[in-house]
């Protein structure tokens, strides 16, 4: 492996990791929003029951 190949490999790997991290982060944000929306209704149902 030449130096150029190693650098491009590291950049590809880093892009892949950051891409997966972005997906994970957006999923976590969606989950938090979902819980914020659903928690009051769940609590309300539990109280009513």
PDB file of N, CA and C in Angstrom:
ATOM      1  N   UNK A   1       0.832  -1.205   0.000  1.00  0.00           N
ATOM      2  CA  UNK A   1       0.000   0.000   0.000  1.00  0.00           C
ATOM      3  C   UNK A   1       0.870   1.259   0.000  1.00  0.00           C
ATOM      4  N   UNK A   2       0.578   2.151  -0.923  1.00  0.00           N
ATOM      5  CA  UNK A   2       1.288   3.432  -0.933  1.00  0.00           C
ATOM      6  C   UNK A   2       0.646   4.392   0.067  1.00  0.00           C
ATOM      7  N   UNK A   3       1.343   5.500   0.318  1.00  0.00           N
ATOM      8  CA  UNK A   3       0.848   6.478   1.288  1.00  0.00           C
ATOM      9  C   UNK A   3      -0.510   7.048   0.859  1.00  0.00           C
ATOM     10  N   UNK A   4      -0.656   7.319  -0.428  1.00  0.00           N
ATOM     11  CA  UNK A   4      -1.906   7.852  -0.977  1.00  0.00           C
ATOM     12  C   UNK A   4      -3.073   6.899  -0.764  1.00  0.00           C
ATOM     13  N   UNK A   5      -2.818   5.605  -0.999  1.00  0.00           N
ATOM     14  CA  UNK A   5      -3.862   4.592  -0.818  1.00  0.00           C
ATOM     15  C   UNK A   5      -4.292   4.508   0.642  1.00  0.00           C
ATOM     16  N   UNK A   6      -3.326   4.549   1.550  1.00  0.00           N
ATOM     17  CA  UNK A   6      -3.620   4.478   2.985  1.00  0.00           C
ATOM     18  C   UNK A   6      -4.471   5.671   3.402  1.00  0.00           C
ATOM     19  N   UNK A   7      -4.095   6.868   2.937  1.00  0.00           N
ATOM     20  CA  UNK A   7      -4.844   8.084   3.280  1.00  0.00           C
ATOM     21  C   UNK A   7      -6.273   8.004   2.746  1.00  0.00           C
ATOM     22  N   UNK A   8      -6.437   7.588   1.488  1.00  0.00           N
ATOM     23  CA  UNK A   8      -7.777   7.490   0.908  1.00  0.00           C
ATOM     24  C   UNK A   8      -8.608   6.427   1.640  1.00  0.00           C
ATOM     25  N   UNK A   9      -7.951   5.335   2.045  1.00  0.00           N
ATOM     26  CA  UNK A   9      -8.625   4.285   2.812  1.00  0.00           C
ATOM     27  C   UNK A   9      -9.121   4.829   4.146  1.00  0.00           C
ATOM     28  N   UNK A  10      -8.266   5.595   4.840  1.00  0.00           N
ATOM     29  CA  UNK A  10      -8.649   6.187   6.129  1.00  0.00           C
ATOM     30  C   UNK A  10      -9.799   7.183   5.969  1.00  0.00           C
ATOM     31  N   UNK A  11      -9.745   7.975   4.881  1.00  0.00           N
ATOM     32  CA  UNK A  11     -10.818   8.944   4.621  1.00  0.00           C
ATOM     33  C   UNK A  11     -12.128   8.207   4.367  1.00  0.00           C
ATOM     34  N   UNK A  12     -12.094   7.137   3.567  1.00  0.00           N
ATOM     35  CA  UNK A  12     -13.297   6.340   3.297  1.00  0.00           C
ATOM     36  C   UNK A  12     -13.860   5.763   4.586  1.00  0.00           C
ATOM     37  N   UNK A  13     -12.981   5.197   5.406  1.00  0.00           N
ATOM     38  CA  UNK A  13     -13.387   4.599   6.676  1.00  0.00           C
ATOM     39  C   UNK A  13     -14.009   5.657   7.582  1.00  0.00           C
ATOM     40  N   UNK A  14     -13.391   6.837   7.644  1.00  0.00           N
ATOM     41  CA  UNK A  14     -13.880   7.925   8.472  1.00  0.00           C
ATOM     42  C   UNK A  14     -15.242   8.414   7.991  1.00  0.00           C
ATOM     43  N   UNK A  15     -15.417   8.530   6.666  1.00  0.00           N
ATOM     44  CA  UNK A  15     -16.702   8.939   6.098  1.00  0.00           C
ATOM     45  C   UNK A  15     -17.784   7.938   6.458  1.00  0.00           C
ATOM     46  N   UNK A  16     -17.448   6.642   6.384  1.00  0.00           N
ATOM     47  CA  UNK A  16     -18.386   5.572   6.707  1.00  0.00           C
ATOM     48  C   UNK A  16     -18.812   5.659   8.171  1.00  0.00           C
ATOM     49  N   UNK A  17     -17.849   5.871   9.066  1.00  0.00           N
ATOM     50  CA  UNK A  17     -18.128   5.975  10.502  1.00  0.00           C
ATOM     51  C   UNK A  17     -18.994   7.195  10.796  1.00  0.00           C
ATOM     52  N   UNK A  18     -18.646   8.341  10.216  1.00  0.00           N
ATOM     53  CA  UNK A  18     -19.408   9.564  10.471  1.00  0.00           C
ATOM     54  C   UNK A  18     -20.815   9.453   9.893  1.00  0.00           C
ATOM     55  N   UNK A  19     -20.954   8.768   8.748  1.00  0.00           N
ATOM     56  CA  UNK A  19     -22.262   8.555   8.137  1.00  0.00           C
ATOM     57  C   UNK A  19     -23.138   7.716   9.061  1.00  0.00           C
ATOM     58  N   UNK A  20     -22.595   6.622   9.583  1.00  0.00           N
ATOM     59  CA  UNK A  20     -23.328   5.767  10.518  1.00  0.00           C
ATOM     60  C   UNK A  20     -23.679   6.519  11.794  1.00  0.00           C
ATOM     61  N   UNK A  21     -22.768   7.362  12.268  1.00  0.00           N
ATOM     62  CA  UNK A  21     -23.009   8.152  13.467  1.00  0.00           C
ATOM     63  C   UNK A  21     -24.150   9.134  13.246  1.00  0.00           C
ATOM     64  N   UNK A  22     -24.169   9.759  12.051  1.00  0.00           N
ATOM     65  CA  UNK A  22     -25.256  10.682  11.712  1.00  0.00           C
ATOM     66  C   UNK A  22     -26.601   9.973  11.690  1.00  0.00           C
ATOM     67  N   UNK A  23     -26.639   8.765  11.135  1.00  0.00           N
ATOM     68  CA  UNK A  23     -27.876   7.965  11.090  1.00  0.00           C
ATOM     69  C   UNK A  23     -28.323   7.647  12.516  1.00  0.00           C
ATOM     70  N   UNK A  24     -27.386   7.192  13.339  1.00  0.00           N
ATOM     71  CA  UNK A  24     -27.680   6.851  14.730  1.00  0.00           C
ATOM     72  C   UNK A  24     -28.205   8.064  15.492  1.00  0.00           C
ATOM     73  N   UNK A  25     -27.548   9.211  15.288  1.00  0.00           N
ATOM     74  CA  UNK A  25     -27.923  10.443  15.976  1.00  0.00           C
ATOM     75  C   UNK A  25     -29.330  10.890  15.584  1.00  0.00           C
ATOM     76  N   UNK A  26     -29.646  10.813  14.277  1.00  0.00           N
ATOM     77  CA  UNK A  26     -30.975  11.219  13.814  1.00  0.00           C
ATOM     78  C   UNK A  26     -32.042  10.260  14.336  1.00  0.00           C
ATOM     79  N   UNK A  27     -31.718   8.968  14.413  1.00  0.00           N
ATOM     80  CA  UNK A  27     -32.651   7.987  14.966  1.00  0.00           C
ATOM     81  C   UNK A  27     -32.906   8.251  16.445  1.00  0.00           C
ATOM     82  N   UNK A  28     -31.848   8.609  17.174  1.00  0.00           N
ATOM     83  CA  UNK A  28     -31.993   8.935  18.594  1.00  0.00           C
ATOM     84  C   UNK A  28     -32.876  10.163  18.779  1.00  0.00           C
ATOM     85  N   UNK A  29     -32.680  11.176  17.914  1.00  0.00           N
ATOM     86  CA  UNK A  29     -33.491  12.389  17.979  1.00  0.00           C
ATOM     87  C   UNK A  29     -34.955  12.072  17.702  1.00  0.00           C
ATOM     88  N   UNK A  30     -35.207  11.211  16.707  1.00  0.00           N
ATOM     89  CA  UNK A  30     -36.572  10.797  16.391  1.00  0.00           C
ATOM     90  C   UNK A  30     -37.193  10.038  17.563  1.00  0.00           C
ATOM     91  N   UNK A  31     -36.410   9.175  18.182  1.00  0.00           N
ATOM     92  CA  UNK A  31     -36.875   8.404  19.328  1.00  0.00           C
ATOM     93  C   UNK A  31     -37.238   9.313  20.494  1.00  0.00           C
ATOM     94  N   UNK A  32     -36.392  10.301  20.756  1.00  0.00           N
ATOM     95  CA  UNK A  32     -36.654  11.260  21.841  1.00  0.00           C
ATOM     96  C   UNK A  32     -37.936  12.046  21.557  1.00  0.00           C
ATOM     97  N   UNK A  33     -38.086  12.520  20.311  1.00  0.00           N
ATOM     98  CA  UNK A  33     -39.309  13.235  19.920  1.00  0.00           C
ATOM     99  C   UNK A  33     -40.528  12.338  20.080  1.00  0.00           C
ATOM    100  N   UNK A  34     -40.405  11.089  19.629  1.00  0.00           N
ATOM    101  CA  UNK A  34     -41.480  10.111  19.719  1.00  0.00           C
ATOM    102  C   UNK A  34     -41.881   9.878  21.175  1.00  0.00           C
ATOM    103  N   UNK A  35     -40.897   9.728  22.052  1.00  0.00           N
ATOM    104  CA  UNK A  35     -41.168   9.518  23.476  1.00  0.00           C
ATOM    105  C   UNK A  35     -41.821  10.746  24.105  1.00  0.00           C
ATOM    106  N   UNK A  36     -41.377  11.934  23.697  1.00  0.00           N
ATOM    107  CA  UNK A  36     -41.972  13.171  24.197  1.00  0.00           C
ATOM    108  C   UNK A  36     -43.447  13.255  23.827  1.00  0.00           C
ATOM    109  N   UNK A  37     -43.766  12.837  22.615  1.00  0.00           N
ATOM    110  CA  UNK A  37     -45.150  12.890  22.135  1.00  0.00           C
ATOM    111  C   UNK A  37     -45.996  11.808  22.799  1.00  0.00           C
ATOM    112  N   UNK A  38     -45.452  10.593  22.895  1.00  0.00           N
ATOM    113  CA  UNK A  38     -46.242   9.445  23.362  1.00  0.00           C
ATOM    114  C   UNK A  38     -46.317   9.328  24.880  1.00  0.00           C
ATOM    115  N   UNK A  39     -45.321   9.835  25.609  1.00  0.00           N
ATOM    116  CA  UNK A  39     -45.320   9.707  27.061  1.00  0.00           C
ATOM    117  C   UNK A  39     -46.551  10.303  27.740  1.00  0.00           C
ATOM    118  N   UNK A  40     -46.941  11.546  27.418  1.00  0.00           N
ATOM    119  CA  UNK A  40     -48.138  12.115  28.058  1.00  0.00           C
ATOM    120  C   UNK A  40     -49.386  11.275  27.806  1.00  0.00           C
ATOM    121  N   UNK A  41     -49.546  10.774  26.581  1.00  0.00           N
ATOM    122  CA  UNK A  41     -50.726   9.970  26.255  1.00  0.00           C
ATOM    123  C   UNK A  41     -50.697   8.642  27.002  1.00  0.00           C
ATOM    124  N   UNK A  42     -49.506   8.042  27.125  1.00  0.00           N
ATOM    125  CA  UNK A  42     -49.378   6.793  27.881  1.00  0.00           C
ATOM    126  C   UNK A  42     -49.709   7.016  29.354  1.00  0.00           C
ATOM    127  N   UNK A  43     -49.183   8.084  29.919  1.00  0.00           N
ATOM    128  CA  UNK A  43     -49.464   8.418  31.317  1.00  0.00           C
ATOM    129  C   UNK A  43     -50.962   8.660  31.515  1.00  0.00           C
ATOM    130  N   UNK A  44     -51.551   9.349  30.566  1.00  0.00           N
ATOM    131  CA  UNK A  44     -52.976   9.653  30.614  1.00  0.00           C
ATOM    132  C   UNK A  44     -53.803   8.367  30.600  1.00  0.00           C
ATOM    133  N   UNK A  45     -53.435   7.432  29.724  1.00  0.00           N
ATOM    134  CA  UNK A  45     -54.126   6.135  29.642  1.00  0.00           C
ATOM    135  C   UNK A  45     -53.977   5.347  30.935  1.00  0.00           C
ATOM    136  N   UNK A  46     -52.785   5.353  31.503  1.00  0.00           N
ATOM    137  CA  UNK A  46     -52.529   4.631  32.759  1.00  0.00           C
ATOM    138  C   UNK A  46     -53.371   5.223  33.879  1.00  0.00           C
ATOM    139  N   UNK A  47     -53.435   6.559  33.927  1.00  0.00           N
ATOM    140  CA  UNK A  47     -54.231   7.234  34.959  1.00  0.00           C
ATOM    141  C   UNK A  47     -55.712   6.902  34.795  1.00  0.00           C
ATOM    142  N   UNK A  48     -56.193   6.894  33.556  1.00  0.00           N
ATOM    143  CA  UNK A  48     -57.598   6.594  33.294  1.00  0.00           C
ATOM    144  C   UNK A  48     -57.938   5.147  33.646  1.00  0.00           C
ATOM    145  N   UNK A  49     -57.015   4.240  33.395  1.00  0.00           N
ATOM    146  CA  UNK A  49     -57.247   2.837  33.711  1.00  0.00           C
ATOM    147  C   UNK A  49     -57.128   2.625  35.217  1.00  0.00           C
TER     148      UNK A  49
END
